[in-house]
Protein backbone atom coordinates (compact mmCIF):
# COMPACT_ATOMS: atom_id res chain seq x y z
CA UNK A 1 -15.84 28.52 -21.51
CA UNK A 2 -16.21 30.32 -24.65
CA UNK A 3 -19.54 31.73 -23.44
CA UNK A 4 -20.35 34.13 -20.63
CA UNK A 5 -22.35 32.62 -17.66
CA UNK A 6 -24.07 34.46 -14.95
CA UNK A 7 -24.31 32.92 -11.47
CA UNK A 8 -26.93 33.94 -8.90
CA UNK A 9 -26.87 33.38 -5.14
CA UNK A 10 -30.66 32.92 -5.07
CA UNK A 11 -33.39 35.18 -3.83
CA UNK A 12 -34.56 35.69 -7.37
CA UNK A 13 -37.98 36.39 -5.96
CA UNK A 14 -39.39 38.79 -3.18
CA UNK A 15 -36.39 41.09 -3.41
CA UNK A 16 -37.55 43.53 -6.13
CA UNK A 17 -40.41 44.67 -8.41
CA UNK A 18 -40.12 41.95 -10.86
CA UNK A 19 -39.95 38.49 -9.41
CA UNK A 20 -41.62 37.10 -12.59
CA UNK A 21 -38.83 38.63 -14.73
CA UNK A 22 -36.02 37.22 -12.45
CA UNK A 23 -37.68 33.76 -12.65
CA UNK A 24 -37.60 33.96 -16.45
CA UNK A 25 -33.92 34.13 -16.18
CA UNK A 26 -33.95 30.39 -15.26
CA UNK A 27 -34.86 29.50 -18.89
CA UNK A 28 -31.70 31.23 -20.20
CA UNK A 29 -28.79 28.75 -20.85
CA UNK A 30 -26.25 31.20 -19.51
CA UNK A 31 -28.02 31.90 -16.20
CA UNK A 32 -27.37 29.54 -13.16
CA UNK A 33 -28.83 29.97 -9.74
CA UNK A 34 -28.78 28.29 -6.35
CA UNK A 35 -31.65 28.01 -4.17
CA UNK A 36 -32.14 30.97 -1.69
CA UNK A 37 -34.25 31.30 1.36
CA UNK A 38 -36.87 33.27 -0.55
CA UNK A 39 -37.25 30.42 -3.05
CA UNK A 40 -37.66 28.14 -0.13
CA UNK A 41 -40.48 30.39 1.17
CA UNK A 42 -42.04 30.46 -2.31
CA UNK A 43 -41.87 26.62 -2.51
CA UNK A 44 -43.83 26.42 0.90
CA UNK A 45 -46.44 28.91 -0.29
CA UNK A 46 -46.92 26.98 -3.56
CA UNK A 47 -47.24 23.67 -1.68
CA UNK A 48 -49.70 25.03 0.75
CA UNK A 49 -51.78 26.43 -2.15
CA UNK A 50 -51.91 23.15 -3.95
CA UNK A 51 -52.77 21.26 -0.96
CA UNK A 52 -55.64 23.83 -0.12
CA UNK A 53 -56.91 23.41 -3.60
CA UNK A 54 -57.18 19.72 -3.07
CA UNK A 55 -55.09 18.92 -6.18
CA UNK A 56 -52.19 17.44 -4.17
CA UNK A 57 -51.34 15.85 -0.85
CA UNK A 58 -48.18 16.67 1.02
CA UNK A 59 -46.77 13.14 0.38
CA UNK A 60 -47.70 13.56 -3.41
CA UNK A 61 -45.97 16.85 -3.53
CA UNK A 62 -42.83 15.47 -1.91
CA UNK A 63 -42.60 12.60 -4.29
CA UNK A 64 -43.54 14.50 -7.39
CA UNK A 65 -41.16 17.42 -6.81
CA UNK A 66 -38.36 15.85 -4.70
CA UNK A 67 -38.65 18.85 -2.24
CA UNK A 68 -39.21 17.10 1.13
CA UNK A 69 -35.68 18.01 2.18
CA UNK A 70 -36.42 21.80 1.34
CA UNK A 71 -39.77 22.20 3.16
CA UNK A 72 -40.86 19.88 6.02
CA UNK A 73 -44.33 19.66 7.24
CA UNK A 74 -43.39 21.47 10.55
CA UNK A 75 -41.76 24.41 8.71
CA UNK A 76 -44.53 25.09 6.15
CA UNK A 77 -46.85 27.30 8.18
CA UNK A 78 -43.90 29.40 9.45
CA UNK A 79 -42.43 29.66 5.95
CA UNK A 80 -45.80 30.74 4.40
CA UNK A 81 -46.38 33.35 7.06
CA UNK A 82 -42.75 34.67 6.53
CA UNK A 83 -43.30 34.79 2.79
CA UNK A 84 -46.38 36.93 2.91
CA UNK A 85 -44.52 39.31 5.34
CA UNK A 86 -41.28 39.43 3.36
CA UNK A 87 -42.22 40.05 -0.35
CA UNK A 88 -44.54 37.34 -1.28
CA UNK A 89 -47.24 39.60 -2.61
CA UNK A 90 -46.18 38.90 -6.22
CA UNK A 91 -47.24 35.34 -5.72
CA UNK A 92 -50.44 36.18 -3.76
CA UNK A 93 -51.52 38.46 -6.78
CA UNK A 94 -51.32 35.50 -9.09
CA UNK A 95 -53.04 33.02 -6.50
CA UNK A 96 -56.01 35.40 -6.21
CA UNK A 97 -56.13 36.71 -9.88
CA UNK A 98 -59.77 36.62 -10.91
CA UNK A 99 -58.84 36.23 -14.47
CA UNK A 100 -57.26 32.91 -13.98
CA UNK A 101 -59.23 29.67 -13.89
CA UNK A 102 -58.60 27.14 -11.17
CA UNK A 103 -56.86 24.94 -13.68
CA UNK A 104 -54.67 27.63 -14.98
CA UNK A 105 -53.71 28.57 -11.49
CA UNK A 106 -52.85 25.00 -10.52
CA UNK A 107 -50.79 24.66 -13.66
CA UNK A 108 -48.94 27.76 -12.97
CA UNK A 109 -48.21 26.63 -9.41
CA UNK A 110 -47.05 23.22 -10.44
CA UNK A 111 -44.81 24.71 -13.15
CA UNK A 112 -43.21 27.21 -10.74
CA UNK A 113 -42.87 24.59 -7.94
CA UNK A 114 -41.12 22.42 -10.40
CA UNK A 115 -38.72 24.97 -11.44
CA UNK A 116 -37.85 26.20 -7.99
CA UNK A 117 -37.44 22.56 -6.56
CA UNK A 118 -34.92 21.91 -9.38
CA UNK A 119 -32.55 24.76 -8.04
CA UNK A 120 -29.42 23.30 -6.40
CA UNK A 121 -28.11 24.27 -2.99
CA UNK A 122 -24.60 24.65 -4.41
CA UNK A 123 -23.09 25.22 -7.78
CA UNK A 124 -19.41 24.12 -8.27
CA UNK A 125 -17.32 26.13 -10.90
CA UNK A 126 -13.93 25.12 -12.07
CA UNK A 127 -11.62 22.50 -10.56
CA UNK A 128 -8.41 22.19 -8.49
CA UNK A 129 -7.16 25.56 -7.31
CA UNK A 130 -9.57 27.33 -9.62
CA UNK A 131 -12.57 25.70 -7.99
CA UNK A 132 -15.11 27.77 -6.15
CA UNK A 133 -18.68 27.00 -4.92
CA UNK A 134 -21.72 29.21 -5.20
CA UNK A 135 -24.16 28.99 -2.19
CA UNK A 136 -26.86 31.41 -0.91
CA UNK A 137 -25.76 31.75 2.74
CA UNK A 138 -23.13 29.66 4.50
CA UNK A 139 -21.23 26.78 2.91
CA UNK A 140 -21.87 24.45 5.76
CA UNK A 141 -21.87 20.69 6.32
CA UNK A 142 -22.44 19.01 9.80
CA UNK A 143 -19.23 16.95 9.09
CA UNK A 144 -16.39 18.85 10.82
CA UNK A 145 -14.27 17.98 7.75
CA UNK A 146 -15.89 19.82 4.96
CA UNK A 147 -14.51 18.91 1.57
CA UNK A 148 -15.12 19.09 -2.05
CA UNK A 149 -16.23 15.49 -2.00
CA UNK A 150 -18.97 16.16 0.54
CA UNK A 151 -20.16 19.13 -1.66
CA UNK A 152 -20.07 16.98 -4.74
CA UNK A 153 -21.98 14.18 -2.92
CA UNK A 154 -24.85 16.75 -2.13
CA UNK A 155 -26.09 14.75 0.86
CA UNK A 156 -26.95 17.43 3.41
CA UNK A 157 -28.81 17.08 6.89
CA UNK A 158 -31.87 19.43 7.48
CA UNK A 159 -29.42 21.52 9.62
CA UNK A 160 -26.92 21.85 6.85
CA UNK A 161 -29.77 22.93 4.40
CA UNK A 162 -31.03 25.51 6.80
CA UNK A 163 -27.48 27.03 7.25
CA UNK A 164 -26.99 26.95 3.53
CA UNK A 165 -30.22 28.92 2.89
CA UNK A 166 -30.70 30.84 6.11
CA UNK A 167 -27.15 31.23 7.68
CA UNK A 168 -25.60 34.59 8.28
């Protein structure tokens, strides 16, 4: 391409002093990121907050944001706890900010949740021999015959998603 691009392997949040600044990069046309496990933790925290506020139900969140495959009901509590232990203080500060109204807080949560749920698990760059894939952790598929077609299809099992965001 005639324009430079920057690809990120995720973890835009929780890993440094300016999570909000890193999230702002998502608005740049030259910046492309996949979903990392810290975005997944943030999604769980945002979903939990919206449910606690009574503005959304779990079913409503899953249908509105197409994120059921990212955070299941059984994982939510564990993810929220892990988020607060591993860098989620930037989000907590926003959630308890006394200068924000409930409406402003809800709107901020919905906007951020929407941005994070839109992040792909993989980004494919190039084609043929020049093709490569960007993923946060392991490029994994439960099918023993992993192929470009399976990546392009984008249908992953919960185990695939866990390995792609948490695998080491």
